[in-house]
């Protein structure tokens, strides 16, 4: 699921280090009180990273309840933004970069091209 966010309308990275022992209630309160966002926004995936940067938790409201996800990398780490008080909306491309272990702030991305048929 986390490698493909096509079903998600919006992705919010909750920057800084989060206590990944937190469950649904504590994470949703953090979204509301600390980041001043609506934890019940349908289709918005909120992402949290621990201090070791090798695991993340995700939280998304699905109209009938929360989905809480957890991903642990077996090797490597996520390039997580560490400014403590920021929640940052990221694009589909940035989400894919993050899931591949790259920084979400790239100097430039490779432009997509439409191939032309010869002749």
PDB file of N, CA and C in Angstrom:
ATOM      1  N   UNK A   1       0.804  -1.198   0.000  1.00  0.00           N
ATOM      2  CA  UNK A   1       0.000   0.000   0.000  1.00  0.00           C
ATOM      3  C   UNK A   1       0.849   1.264   0.000  1.00  0.00           C
ATOM      4  N   UNK A   2       1.860   1.318   0.860  1.00  0.00           N
ATOM      5  CA  UNK A   2       2.614   2.562   0.990  1.00  0.00           C
ATOM      6  C   UNK A   2       3.496   2.868  -0.206  1.00  0.00           C
ATOM      7  N   UNK A   3       3.771   1.896  -1.039  1.00  0.00           N
ATOM      8  CA  UNK A   3       4.578   2.172  -2.225  1.00  0.00           C
ATOM      9  C   UNK A   3       3.763   2.820  -3.330  1.00  0.00           C
ATOM     10  N   UNK A   4       2.447   2.825  -3.203  1.00  0.00           N
ATOM     11  CA  UNK A   4       1.577   3.363  -4.237  1.00  0.00           C
ATOM     12  C   UNK A   4       0.446   4.135  -3.567  1.00  0.00           C
ATOM     13  N   UNK A   5       0.416   5.446  -3.733  1.00  0.00           N
ATOM     14  CA  UNK A   5      -0.583   6.286  -3.070  1.00  0.00           C
ATOM     15  C   UNK A   5      -1.664   6.769  -4.022  1.00  0.00           C
ATOM     16  N   UNK A   6      -1.944   6.028  -5.076  1.00  0.00           N
ATOM     17  CA  UNK A   6      -2.924   6.480  -6.069  1.00  0.00           C
ATOM     18  C   UNK A   6      -4.324   6.649  -5.486  1.00  0.00           C
ATOM     19  N   UNK A   7      -4.699   5.875  -4.479  1.00  0.00           N
ATOM     20  CA  UNK A   7      -6.011   6.003  -3.857  1.00  0.00           C
ATOM     21  C   UNK A   7      -6.089   7.125  -2.837  1.00  0.00           C
ATOM     22  N   UNK A   8      -4.979   7.767  -2.565  1.00  0.00           N
ATOM     23  CA  UNK A   8      -4.906   8.841  -1.581  1.00  0.00           C
ATOM     24  C   UNK A   8      -4.972  10.180  -2.304  1.00  0.00           C
ATOM     25  N   UNK A   9      -5.823  11.086  -1.799  1.00  0.00           N
ATOM     26  CA  UNK A   9      -5.970  12.405  -2.427  1.00  0.00           C
ATOM     27  C   UNK A   9      -4.846  13.360  -2.039  1.00  0.00           C
ATOM     28  N   UNK A  10      -4.378  13.231  -0.804  1.00  0.00           N
ATOM     29  CA  UNK A  10      -3.400  14.179  -0.270  1.00  0.00           C
ATOM     30  C   UNK A  10      -2.497  13.444   0.711  1.00  0.00           C
ATOM     31  N   UNK A  11      -1.212  13.782   0.689  1.00  0.00           N
ATOM     32  CA  UNK A  11      -0.251  13.180   1.619  1.00  0.00           C
ATOM     33  C   UNK A  11       0.369  14.302   2.440  1.00  0.00           C
ATOM     34  N   UNK A  12       0.322  14.153   3.754  1.00  0.00           N
ATOM     35  CA  UNK A  12       0.898  15.133   4.677  1.00  0.00           C
ATOM     36  C   UNK A  12       2.021  14.460   5.456  1.00  0.00           C
ATOM     37  N   UNK A  13       3.218  15.015   5.349  1.00  0.00           N
ATOM     38  CA  UNK A  13       4.363  14.547   6.125  1.00  0.00           C
ATOM     39  C   UNK A  13       4.420  15.378   7.400  1.00  0.00           C
ATOM     40  N   UNK A  14       4.282  14.726   8.541  1.00  0.00           N
ATOM     41  CA  UNK A  14       4.407  15.400   9.832  1.00  0.00           C
ATOM     42  C   UNK A  14       5.890  15.380  10.175  1.00  0.00           C
ATOM     43  N   UNK A  15       6.537  16.500   9.915  1.00  0.00           N
ATOM     44  CA  UNK A  15       7.998  16.590  10.010  1.00  0.00           C
ATOM     45  C   UNK A  15       8.465  16.429  11.450  1.00  0.00           C
ATOM     46  N   UNK A  16       9.730  16.183  11.599  1.00  0.00           N
ATOM     47  CA  UNK A  16      10.313  15.988  12.914  1.00  0.00           C
ATOM     48  C   UNK A  16      10.212  14.533  13.342  1.00  0.00           C
ATOM     49  N   UNK A  17      10.593  14.286  14.578  1.00  0.00           N
ATOM     50  CA  UNK A  17      10.565  12.927  15.114  1.00  0.00           C
ATOM     51  C   UNK A  17       9.270  12.718  15.887  1.00  0.00           C
ATOM     52  N   UNK A  18       8.628  11.600  15.653  1.00  0.00           N
ATOM     53  CA  UNK A  18       7.396  11.260  16.361  1.00  0.00           C
ATOM     54  C   UNK A  18       7.626  10.009  17.196  1.00  0.00           C
ATOM     55  N   UNK A  19       6.889   9.909  18.284  1.00  0.00           N
ATOM     56  CA  UNK A  19       6.936   8.715  19.120  1.00  0.00           C
ATOM     57  C   UNK A  19       6.060   7.659  18.454  1.00  0.00           C
ATOM     58  N   UNK A  20       6.673   6.664  17.845  1.00  0.00           N
ATOM     59  CA  UNK A  20       5.920   5.664  17.104  1.00  0.00           C
ATOM     60  C   UNK A  20       5.219   4.650  18.002  1.00  0.00           C
ATOM     61  N   UNK A  21       5.346   4.804  19.313  1.00  0.00           N
ATOM     62  CA  UNK A  21       4.534   3.994  20.219  1.00  0.00           C
ATOM     63  C   UNK A  21       3.102   4.508  20.245  1.00  0.00           C
ATOM     64  N   UNK A  22       2.900   5.711  19.714  1.00  0.00           N
ATOM     65  CA  UNK A  22       1.573   6.326  19.689  1.00  0.00           C
ATOM     66  C   UNK A  22       0.620   5.524  18.822  1.00  0.00           C
ATOM     67  N   UNK A  23      -0.620   5.459  19.288  1.00  0.00           N
ATOM     68  CA  UNK A  23      -1.664   4.779  18.535  1.00  0.00           C
ATOM     69  C   UNK A  23      -2.551   5.785  17.810  1.00  0.00           C
ATOM     70  N   UNK A  24      -3.687   5.308  17.354  1.00  0.00           N
ATOM     71  CA  UNK A  24      -4.608   6.125  16.567  1.00  0.00           C
ATOM     72  C   UNK A  24      -5.039   7.382  17.313  1.00  0.00           C
ATOM     73  N   UNK A  25      -5.460   7.242  18.564  1.00  0.00           N
ATOM     74  CA  UNK A  25      -5.978   8.393  19.307  1.00  0.00           C
ATOM     75  C   UNK A  25      -4.919   9.475  19.501  1.00  0.00           C
ATOM     76  N   UNK A  26      -3.733   9.072  19.901  1.00  0.00           N
ATOM     77  CA  UNK A  26      -2.668  10.054  20.148  1.00  0.00           C
ATOM     78  C   UNK A  26      -2.203  10.718  18.852  1.00  0.00           C
ATOM     79  N   UNK A  27      -2.077   9.944  17.772  1.00  0.00           N
ATOM     80  CA  UNK A  27      -1.666  10.525  16.492  1.00  0.00           C
ATOM     81  C   UNK A  27      -2.720  11.490  15.964  1.00  0.00           C
ATOM     82  N   UNK A  28      -4.003  11.132  16.083  1.00  0.00           N
ATOM     83  CA  UNK A  28      -5.055  12.034  15.604  1.00  0.00           C
ATOM     84  C   UNK A  28      -5.105  13.315  16.435  1.00  0.00           C
ATOM     85  N   UNK A  29      -4.847  13.220  17.736  1.00  0.00           N
ATOM     86  CA  UNK A  29      -4.786  14.428  18.575  1.00  0.00           C
ATOM     87  C   UNK A  29      -3.586  15.290  18.191  1.00  0.00           C
ATOM     88  N   UNK A  30      -2.462  14.669  17.862  1.00  0.00           N
ATOM     89  CA  UNK A  30      -1.284  15.414  17.426  1.00  0.00           C
ATOM     90  C   UNK A  30      -1.585  16.161  16.124  1.00  0.00           C
ATOM     91  N   UNK A  31      -2.266  15.501  15.204  1.00  0.00           N
ATOM     92  CA  UNK A  31      -2.635  16.141  13.935  1.00  0.00           C
ATOM     93  C   UNK A  31      -3.495  17.366  14.201  1.00  0.00           C
ATOM     94  N   UNK A  32      -4.474  17.214  15.087  1.00  0.00           N
ATOM     95  CA  UNK A  32      -5.411  18.306  15.382  1.00  0.00           C
ATOM     96  C   UNK A  32      -4.770  19.419  16.204  1.00  0.00           C
ATOM     97  N   UNK A  33      -4.122  19.081  17.296  1.00  0.00           N
ATOM     98  CA  UNK A  33      -3.628  20.090  18.236  1.00  0.00           C
ATOM     99  C   UNK A  33      -2.266  20.671  17.867  1.00  0.00           C
ATOM    100  N   UNK A  34      -1.335  19.842  17.449  1.00  0.00           N
ATOM    101  CA  UNK A  34       0.020  20.319  17.166  1.00  0.00           C
ATOM    102  C   UNK A  34       0.138  20.916  15.767  1.00  0.00           C
ATOM    103  N   UNK A  35      -0.419  20.199  14.781  1.00  0.00           N
ATOM    104  CA  UNK A  35      -0.280  20.653  13.393  1.00  0.00           C
ATOM    105  C   UNK A  35      -1.474  21.464  12.899  1.00  0.00           C
ATOM    106  N   UNK A  36      -2.548  21.543  13.718  1.00  0.00           N
ATOM    107  CA  UNK A  36      -3.747  22.338  13.381  1.00  0.00           C
ATOM    108  C   UNK A  36      -4.385  21.883  12.067  1.00  0.00           C
ATOM    109  N   UNK A  37      -4.464  20.567  11.871  1.00  0.00           N
ATOM    110  CA  UNK A  37      -5.081  19.990  10.681  1.00  0.00           C
ATOM    111  C   UNK A  37      -6.245  19.102  11.106  1.00  0.00           C
ATOM    112  N   UNK A  38      -7.097  18.747  10.155  1.00  0.00           N
ATOM    113  CA  UNK A  38      -8.267  17.922  10.426  1.00  0.00           C
ATOM    114  C   UNK A  38      -7.926  16.443  10.246  1.00  0.00           C
ATOM    115  N   UNK A  39      -7.875  15.668  11.331  1.00  0.00           N
ATOM    116  CA  UNK A  39      -7.530  14.252  11.204  1.00  0.00           C
ATOM    117  C   UNK A  39      -8.630  13.420  10.540  1.00  0.00           C
ATOM    118  N   UNK A  40      -9.831  13.997  10.368  1.00  0.00           N
ATOM    119  CA  UNK A  40     -10.952  13.296   9.744  1.00  0.00           C
ATOM    120  C   UNK A  40     -11.116  13.650   8.274  1.00  0.00           C
ATOM    121  N   UNK A  41     -10.120  14.269   7.674  1.00  0.00           N
ATOM    122  CA  UNK A  41     -10.182  14.612   6.253  1.00  0.00           C
ATOM    123  C   UNK A  41     -10.024  13.324   5.438  1.00  0.00           C
ATOM    124  N   UNK A  42     -11.105  12.902   4.818  1.00  0.00           N
ATOM    125  CA  UNK A  42     -11.112  11.645   4.064  1.00  0.00           C
ATOM    126  C   UNK A  42     -10.110  11.686   2.918  1.00  0.00           C
ATOM    127  N   UNK A  43      -9.333  10.622   2.789  1.00  0.00           N
ATOM    128  CA  UNK A  43      -8.377  10.519   1.691  1.00  0.00           C
ATOM    129  C   UNK A  43      -7.049  11.203   1.938  1.00  0.00           C
ATOM    130  N   UNK A  44      -6.844  11.736   3.143  1.00  0.00           N
ATOM    131  CA  UNK A  44      -5.567  12.367   3.480  1.00  0.00           C
ATOM    132  C   UNK A  44      -4.741  11.395   4.311  1.00  0.00           C
ATOM    133  N   UNK A  45      -3.564  11.087   3.820  1.00  0.00           N
ATOM    134  CA  UNK A  45      -2.641  10.184   4.494  1.00  0.00           C
ATOM    135  C   UNK A  45      -1.647  11.019   5.290  1.00  0.00           C
ATOM    136  N   UNK A  46      -1.652  10.858   6.610  1.00  0.00           N
ATOM    137  CA  UNK A  46      -0.699  11.541   7.483  1.00  0.00           C
ATOM    138  C   UNK A  46       0.437  10.570   7.770  1.00  0.00           C
ATOM    139  N   UNK A  47       1.670  11.055   7.639  1.00  0.00           N
ATOM    140  CA  UNK A  47       2.843  10.203   7.816  1.00  0.00           C
ATOM    141  C   UNK A  47       3.709  10.709   8.969  1.00  0.00           C
ATOM    142  N   UNK A  48       4.201   9.775   9.789  1.00  0.00           N
ATOM    143  CA  UNK A  48       5.038  10.078  10.947  1.00  0.00           C
ATOM    144  C   UNK A  48       6.279   9.198  10.895  1.00  0.00           C
ATOM    145  N   UNK A  49       7.403   9.730  11.375  1.00  0.00           N
ATOM    146  CA  UNK A  49       8.655   8.980  11.376  1.00  0.00           C
ATOM    147  C   UNK A  49       9.280   9.036  12.767  1.00  0.00           C
ATOM    148  N   UNK A  50       9.855   7.932  13.190  1.00  0.00           N
ATOM    149  CA  UNK A  50      10.534   7.868  14.475  1.00  0.00           C
ATOM    150  C   UNK A  50      11.949   8.420  14.401  1.00  0.00           C
ATOM    151  N   UNK A  51      12.641   8.415  15.516  1.00  0.00           N
ATOM    152  CA  UNK A  51      13.981   9.009  15.569  1.00  0.00           C
ATOM    153  C   UNK A  51      15.015   8.210  14.790  1.00  0.00           C
ATOM    154  N   UNK A  52      14.796   6.902  14.609  1.00  0.00           N
ATOM    155  CA  UNK A  52      15.769   6.071  13.892  1.00  0.00           C
ATOM    156  C   UNK A  52      15.622   6.175  12.380  1.00  0.00           C
ATOM    157  N   UNK A  53      14.544   6.734  11.899  1.00  0.00           N
ATOM    158  CA  UNK A  53      14.291   6.965  10.465  1.00  0.00           C
ATOM    159  C   UNK A  53      14.208   5.695   9.629  1.00  0.00           C
ATOM    160  N   UNK A  54      14.051   4.545  10.265  1.00  0.00           N
ATOM    161  CA  UNK A  54      13.913   3.319   9.483  1.00  0.00           C
ATOM    162  C   UNK A  54      12.485   2.772   9.525  1.00  0.00           C
ATOM    163  N   UNK A  55      11.592   3.512  10.171  1.00  0.00           N
ATOM    164  CA  UNK A  55      10.199   3.084  10.249  1.00  0.00           C
ATOM    165  C   UNK A  55       9.269   4.292  10.262  1.00  0.00           C
ATOM    166  N   UNK A  56       8.105   4.097   9.688  1.00  0.00           N
ATOM    167  CA  UNK A  56       7.106   5.161   9.657  1.00  0.00           C
ATOM    168  C   UNK A  56       5.743   4.585  10.026  1.00  0.00           C
ATOM    169  N   UNK A  57       4.884   5.482  10.503  1.00  0.00           N
ATOM    170  CA  UNK A  57       3.480   5.152  10.726  1.00  0.00           C
ATOM    171  C   UNK A  57       2.657   6.071   9.851  1.00  0.00           C
ATOM    172  N   UNK A  58       1.537   5.551   9.385  1.00  0.00           N
ATOM    173  CA  UNK A  58       0.617   6.352   8.589  1.00  0.00           C
ATOM    174  C   UNK A  58      -0.768   6.254   9.204  1.00  0.00           C
ATOM    175  N   UNK A  59      -1.532   7.318   9.033  1.00  0.00           N
ATOM    176  CA  UNK A  59      -2.893   7.355   9.550  1.00  0.00           C
ATOM    177  C   UNK A  59      -3.775   8.001   8.500  1.00  0.00           C
ATOM    178  N   UNK A  60      -4.888   7.350   8.190  1.00  0.00           N
ATOM    179  CA  UNK A  60      -5.834   7.903   7.219  1.00  0.00           C
ATOM    180  C   UNK A  60      -7.254   7.580   7.689  1.00  0.00           C
ATOM    181  N   UNK A  61      -8.140   8.573   7.591  1.00  0.00           N
ATOM    182  CA  UNK A  61      -9.551   8.387   7.919  1.00  0.00           C
ATOM    183  C   UNK A  61     -10.260   7.859   6.681  1.00  0.00           C
ATOM    184  N   UNK A  62     -11.032   6.779   6.825  1.00  0.00           N
ATOM    185  CA  UNK A  62     -11.694   6.139   5.695  1.00  0.00           C
ATOM    186  C   UNK A  62     -13.214   6.190   5.777  1.00  0.00           C
ATOM    187  N   UNK A  63     -13.794   7.202   6.378  1.00  0.00           N
ATOM    188  CA  UNK A  63     -15.233   7.439   6.531  1.00  0.00           C
ATOM    189  C   UNK A  63     -15.908   6.511   7.533  1.00  0.00           C
ATOM    190  N   UNK A  64     -15.423   5.297   7.716  1.00  0.00           N
ATOM    191  CA  UNK A  64     -16.012   4.401   8.708  1.00  0.00           C
ATOM    192  C   UNK A  64     -15.030   4.070   9.827  1.00  0.00           C
ATOM    193  N   UNK A  65     -13.855   4.674   9.778  1.00  0.00           N
ATOM    194  CA  UNK A  65     -12.844   4.447  10.801  1.00  0.00           C
ATOM    195  C   UNK A  65     -11.454   4.756  10.276  1.00  0.00           C
ATOM    196  N   UNK A  66     -10.496   4.676  11.175  1.00  0.00           N
ATOM    197  CA  UNK A  66      -9.109   4.960  10.820  1.00  0.00           C
ATOM    198  C   UNK A  66      -8.413   3.708  10.299  1.00  0.00           C
ATOM    199  N   UNK A  67      -7.465   3.932   9.397  1.00  0.00           N
ATOM    200  CA  UNK A  67      -6.515   2.900   8.994  1.00  0.00           C
ATOM    201  C   UNK A  67      -5.158   3.348   9.513  1.00  0.00           C
ATOM    202  N   UNK A  68      -4.502   2.507  10.303  1.00  0.00           N
ATOM    203  CA  UNK A  68      -3.180   2.791  10.843  1.00  0.00           C
ATOM    204  C   UNK A  68      -2.194   1.845  10.178  1.00  0.00           C
ATOM    205  N   UNK A  69      -1.198   2.408   9.508  1.00  0.00           N
ATOM    206  CA  UNK A  69      -0.196   1.599   8.826  1.00  0.00           C
ATOM    207  C   UNK A  69       1.174   1.772   9.456  1.00  0.00           C
ATOM    208  N   UNK A  70       2.016   0.775   9.266  1.00  0.00           N
ATOM    209  CA  UNK A  70       3.366   0.785   9.839  1.00  0.00           C
ATOM    210  C   UNK A  70       4.307   0.143   8.830  1.00  0.00           C
ATOM    211  N   UNK A  71       5.416   0.796   8.572  1.00  0.00           N
ATOM    212  CA  UNK A  71       6.408   0.223   7.662  1.00  0.00           C
ATOM    213  C   UNK A  71       7.779   0.315   8.313  1.00  0.00           C
ATOM    214  N   UNK A  72       8.496  -0.821   8.297  1.00  0.00           N
ATOM    215  CA  UNK A  72       9.860  -0.870   8.816  1.00  0.00           C
ATOM    216  C   UNK A  72      10.769  -1.322   7.685  1.00  0.00           C
ATOM    217  N   UNK A  73      11.800  -0.536   7.429  1.00  0.00           N
ATOM    218  CA  UNK A  73      12.773  -0.903   6.409  1.00  0.00           C
ATOM    219  C   UNK A  73      13.750  -1.917   6.988  1.00  0.00           C
ATOM    220  N   UNK A  74      14.084  -2.910   6.219  1.00  0.00           N
ATOM    221  CA  UNK A  74      15.066  -3.902   6.650  1.00  0.00           C
ATOM    222  C   UNK A  74      16.485  -3.384   6.464  1.00  0.00           C
ATOM    223  N   UNK A  75      16.669  -2.460   5.538  1.00  0.00           N
ATOM    224  CA  UNK A  75      17.978  -1.836   5.315  1.00  0.00           C
ATOM    225  C   UNK A  75      17.727  -0.404   4.857  1.00  0.00           C
ATOM    226  N   UNK A  76      18.591   0.513   5.255  1.00  0.00           N
ATOM    227  CA  UNK A  76      18.454   1.903   4.842  1.00  0.00           C
ATOM    228  C   UNK A  76      17.550   2.699   5.767  1.00  0.00           C
ATOM    229  N   UNK A  77      17.265   3.927   5.357  1.00  0.00           N
ATOM    230  CA  UNK A  77      16.425   4.806   6.165  1.00  0.00           C
ATOM    231  C   UNK A  77      15.676   5.779   5.265  1.00  0.00           C
ATOM    232  N   UNK A  78      14.619   6.345   5.825  1.00  0.00           N
ATOM    233  CA  UNK A  78      13.861   7.364   5.126  1.00  0.00           C
ATOM    234  C   UNK A  78      14.574   8.703   5.279  1.00  0.00           C
ATOM    235  N   UNK A  79      14.576   9.516   4.241  1.00  0.00           N
ATOM    236  CA  UNK A  79      15.154  10.862   4.294  1.00  0.00           C
ATOM    237  C   UNK A  79      14.049  11.804   4.761  1.00  0.00           C
ATOM    238  N   UNK A  80      13.871  11.884   6.071  1.00  0.00           N
ATOM    239  CA  UNK A  80      12.722  12.568   6.660  1.00  0.00           C
ATOM    240  C   UNK A  80      13.042  14.010   7.008  1.00  0.00           C
ATOM    241  N   UNK A  81      12.169  14.966   6.654  1.00  0.00           N
ATOM    242  CA  UNK A  81      12.379  16.366   7.053  1.00  0.00           C
ATOM    243  C   UNK A  81      12.275  16.491   8.574  1.00  0.00           C
ATOM    244  N   UNK A  82      13.187  17.199   9.185  1.00  0.00           N
ATOM    245  CA  UNK A  82      13.258  17.228  10.646  1.00  0.00           C
ATOM    246  C   UNK A  82      12.814  18.525  11.308  1.00  0.00           C
ATOM    247  N   UNK A  83      12.292  19.506  10.572  1.00  0.00           N
ATOM    248  CA  UNK A  83      11.812  20.724  11.228  1.00  0.00           C
ATOM    249  C   UNK A  83      10.583  20.363  12.062  1.00  0.00           C
ATOM    250  N   UNK A  84      10.681  20.540  13.360  1.00  0.00           N
ATOM    251  CA  UNK A  84       9.746  19.989  14.336  1.00  0.00           C
ATOM    252  C   UNK A  84       8.282  20.394  14.178  1.00  0.00           C
ATOM    253  N   UNK A  85       7.993  21.650  13.878  1.00  0.00           N
ATOM    254  CA  UNK A  85       6.616  22.135  13.943  1.00  0.00           C
ATOM    255  C   UNK A  85       5.905  22.164  12.606  1.00  0.00           C
ATOM    256  N   UNK A  86       6.443  21.512  11.618  1.00  0.00           N
ATOM    257  CA  UNK A  86       5.898  21.644  10.281  1.00  0.00           C
ATOM    258  C   UNK A  86       5.166  20.375   9.850  1.00  0.00           C
ATOM    259  N   UNK A  87       4.050  20.585   9.174  1.00  0.00           N
ATOM    260  CA  UNK A  87       3.367  19.499   8.470  1.00  0.00           C
ATOM    261  C   UNK A  87       3.346  19.932   7.019  1.00  0.00           C
ATOM    262  N   UNK A  88       3.859  19.109   6.160  1.00  0.00           N
ATOM    263  CA  UNK A  88       4.082  19.505   4.774  1.00  0.00           C
ATOM    264  C   UNK A  88       3.286  18.607   3.831  1.00  0.00           C
ATOM    265  N   UNK A  89       2.473  19.230   2.967  1.00  0.00           N
ATOM    266  CA  UNK A  89       1.782  18.475   1.922  1.00  0.00           C
ATOM    267  C   UNK A  89       2.796  18.180   0.825  1.00  0.00           C
ATOM    268  N   UNK A  90       2.812  16.939   0.361  1.00  0.00           N
ATOM    269  CA  UNK A  90       3.763  16.568  -0.688  1.00  0.00           C
ATOM    270  C   UNK A  90       3.016  16.008  -1.897  1.00  0.00           C
ATOM    271  N   UNK A  91       3.669  16.045  -3.028  1.00  0.00           N
ATOM    272  CA  UNK A  91       3.086  15.559  -4.277  1.00  0.00           C
ATOM    273  C   UNK A  91       3.229  14.044  -4.377  1.00  0.00           C
ATOM    274  N   UNK A  92       2.557  13.471  -5.355  1.00  0.00           N
ATOM    275  CA  UNK A  92       2.684  12.033  -5.628  1.00  0.00           C
ATOM    276  C   UNK A  92       4.146  11.677  -5.906  1.00  0.00           C
ATOM    277  N   UNK A  93       4.814  12.523  -6.688  1.00  0.00           N
ATOM    278  CA  UNK A  93       6.216  12.279  -7.030  1.00  0.00           C
ATOM    279  C   UNK A  93       7.104  12.327  -5.786  1.00  0.00           C
ATOM    280  N   UNK A  94       6.886  13.314  -4.915  1.00  0.00           N
ATOM    281  CA  UNK A  94       7.659  13.415  -3.683  1.00  0.00           C
ATOM    282  C   UNK A  94       7.401  12.214  -2.775  1.00  0.00           C
ATOM    283  N   UNK A  95       6.153  11.749  -2.739  1.00  0.00           N
ATOM    284  CA  UNK A  95       5.817  10.564  -1.954  1.00  0.00           C
ATOM    285  C   UNK A  95       6.617   9.359  -2.449  1.00  0.00           C
ATOM    286  N   UNK A  96       6.663   9.191  -3.760  1.00  0.00           N
ATOM    287  CA  UNK A  96       7.419   8.078  -4.340  1.00  0.00           C
ATOM    288  C   UNK A  96       8.906   8.206  -4.036  1.00  0.00           C
ATOM    289  N   UNK A  97       9.452   9.430  -4.101  1.00  0.00           N
ATOM    290  CA  UNK A  97      10.859   9.651  -3.746  1.00  0.00           C
ATOM    291  C   UNK A  97      11.105   9.220  -2.304  1.00  0.00           C
ATOM    292  N   UNK A  98      10.233   9.657  -1.394  1.00  0.00           N
ATOM    293  CA  UNK A  98      10.379   9.346   0.018  1.00  0.00           C
ATOM    294  C   UNK A  98      10.357   7.838   0.244  1.00  0.00           C
ATOM    295  N   UNK A  99       9.447   7.142  -0.416  1.00  0.00           N
ATOM    296  CA  UNK A  99       9.339   5.693  -0.263  1.00  0.00           C
ATOM    297  C   UNK A  99      10.552   4.961  -0.840  1.00  0.00           C
ATOM    298  N   UNK A 100      11.279   5.618  -1.750  1.00  0.00           N
ATOM    299  CA  UNK A 100      12.494   5.027  -2.330  1.00  0.00           C
ATOM    300  C   UNK A 100      13.753   5.432  -1.565  1.00  0.00           C
ATOM    301  N   UNK A 101      13.587   6.185  -0.456  1.00  0.00           N
ATOM    302  CA  UNK A 101      14.728   6.579   0.352  1.00  0.00           C
ATOM    303  C   UNK A 101      15.388   7.870  -0.084  1.00  0.00           C
ATOM    304  N   UNK A 102      14.739   8.607  -0.967  1.00  0.00           N
ATOM    305  CA  UNK A 102      15.298   9.876  -1.442  1.00  0.00           C
ATOM    306  C   UNK A 102      14.675  11.035  -0.664  1.00  0.00           C
ATOM    307  N   UNK A 103      15.324  12.188  -0.714  1.00  0.00           N
ATOM    308  CA  UNK A 103      14.787  13.388  -0.082  1.00  0.00           C
ATOM    309  C   UNK A 103      13.589  13.889  -0.882  1.00  0.00           C
ATOM    310  N   UNK A 104      12.619  14.489  -0.178  1.00  0.00           N
ATOM    311  CA  UNK A 104      11.448  15.014  -0.886  1.00  0.00           C
ATOM    312  C   UNK A 104      11.746  16.343  -1.558  1.00  0.00           C
ATOM    313  N   UNK A 105      12.826  16.985  -1.166  1.00  0.00           N
ATOM    314  CA  UNK A 105      13.228  18.250  -1.785  1.00  0.00           C
ATOM    315  C   UNK A 105      14.381  17.978  -2.741  1.00  0.00           C
ATOM    316  N   UNK A 106      14.070  17.632  -3.960  1.00  0.00           N
ATOM    317  CA  UNK A 106      15.081  17.405  -4.989  1.00  0.00           C
ATOM    318  C   UNK A 106      15.344  18.721  -5.714  1.00  0.00           C
ATOM    319  N   UNK A 107      16.567  18.931  -6.136  1.00  0.00           N
ATOM    320  CA  UNK A 107      16.890  20.157  -6.876  1.00  0.00           C
ATOM    321  C   UNK A 107      16.108  20.220  -8.176  1.00  0.00           C
ATOM    322  N   UNK A 108      15.978  19.086  -8.825  1.00  0.00           N
ATOM    323  CA  UNK A 108      15.155  19.006 -10.026  1.00  0.00           C
ATOM    324  C   UNK A 108      14.814  17.548 -10.274  1.00  0.00           C
ATOM    325  N   UNK A 109      13.743  17.345 -10.962  1.00  0.00           N
ATOM    326  CA  UNK A 109      13.385  15.979 -11.321  1.00  0.00           C
ATOM    327  C   UNK A 109      13.584  15.800 -12.819  1.00  0.00           C
ATOM    328  N   UNK A 110      13.678  14.579 -13.222  1.00  0.00           N
ATOM    329  CA  UNK A 110      13.855  14.286 -14.639  1.00  0.00           C
ATOM    330  C   UNK A 110      12.522  14.513 -15.333  1.00  0.00           C
ATOM    331  N   UNK A 111      12.544  15.316 -16.372  1.00  0.00           N
ATOM    332  CA  UNK A 111      11.315  15.642 -17.094  1.00  0.00           C
ATOM    333  C   UNK A 111      10.780  14.414 -17.818  1.00  0.00           C
ATOM    334  N   UNK A 112       9.462  14.278 -17.828  1.00  0.00           N
ATOM    335  CA  UNK A 112       8.825  13.197 -18.563  1.00  0.00           C
ATOM    336  C   UNK A 112       8.713  13.604 -20.023  1.00  0.00           C
ATOM    337  N   UNK A 113       8.906  12.656 -20.914  1.00  0.00           N
ATOM    338  CA  UNK A 113       8.835  12.937 -22.350  1.00  0.00           C
ATOM    339  C   UNK A 113       7.844  11.987 -23.003  1.00  0.00           C
ATOM    340  N   UNK A 114       7.302  12.428 -24.110  1.00  0.00           N
ATOM    341  CA  UNK A 114       6.440  11.580 -24.919  1.00  0.00           C
ATOM    342  C   UNK A 114       7.273  11.055 -26.075  1.00  0.00           C
ATOM    343  N   UNK A 115       7.432   9.741 -26.160  1.00  0.00           N
ATOM    344  CA  UNK A 115       8.269   9.200 -27.232  1.00  0.00           C
ATOM    345  C   UNK A 115       7.619   9.408 -28.599  1.00  0.00           C
ATOM    346  N   UNK A 116       8.443   9.684 -29.570  1.00  0.00           N
ATOM    347  CA  UNK A 116       7.979   9.861 -30.945  1.00  0.00           C
ATOM    348  C   UNK A 116       8.313   8.605 -31.734  1.00  0.00           C
ATOM    349  N   UNK A 117       7.377   8.187 -32.536  1.00  0.00           N
ATOM    350  CA  UNK A 117       7.624   7.018 -33.382  1.00  0.00           C
ATOM    351  C   UNK A 117       8.513   7.408 -34.548  1.00  0.00           C
ATOM    352  N   UNK A 118       9.480   6.575 -34.892  1.00  0.00           N
ATOM    353  CA  UNK A 118      10.346   6.902 -36.026  1.00  0.00           C
ATOM    354  C   UNK A 118       9.560   6.855 -37.341  1.00  0.00           C
ATOM    355  N   UNK A 119       9.956   7.744 -38.253  1.00  0.00           N
ATOM    356  CA  UNK A 119       9.423   7.709 -39.604  1.00  0.00           C
ATOM    357  C   UNK A 119       8.253   8.530 -39.779  1.00  0.00           C
TER     358      UNK A 119
END
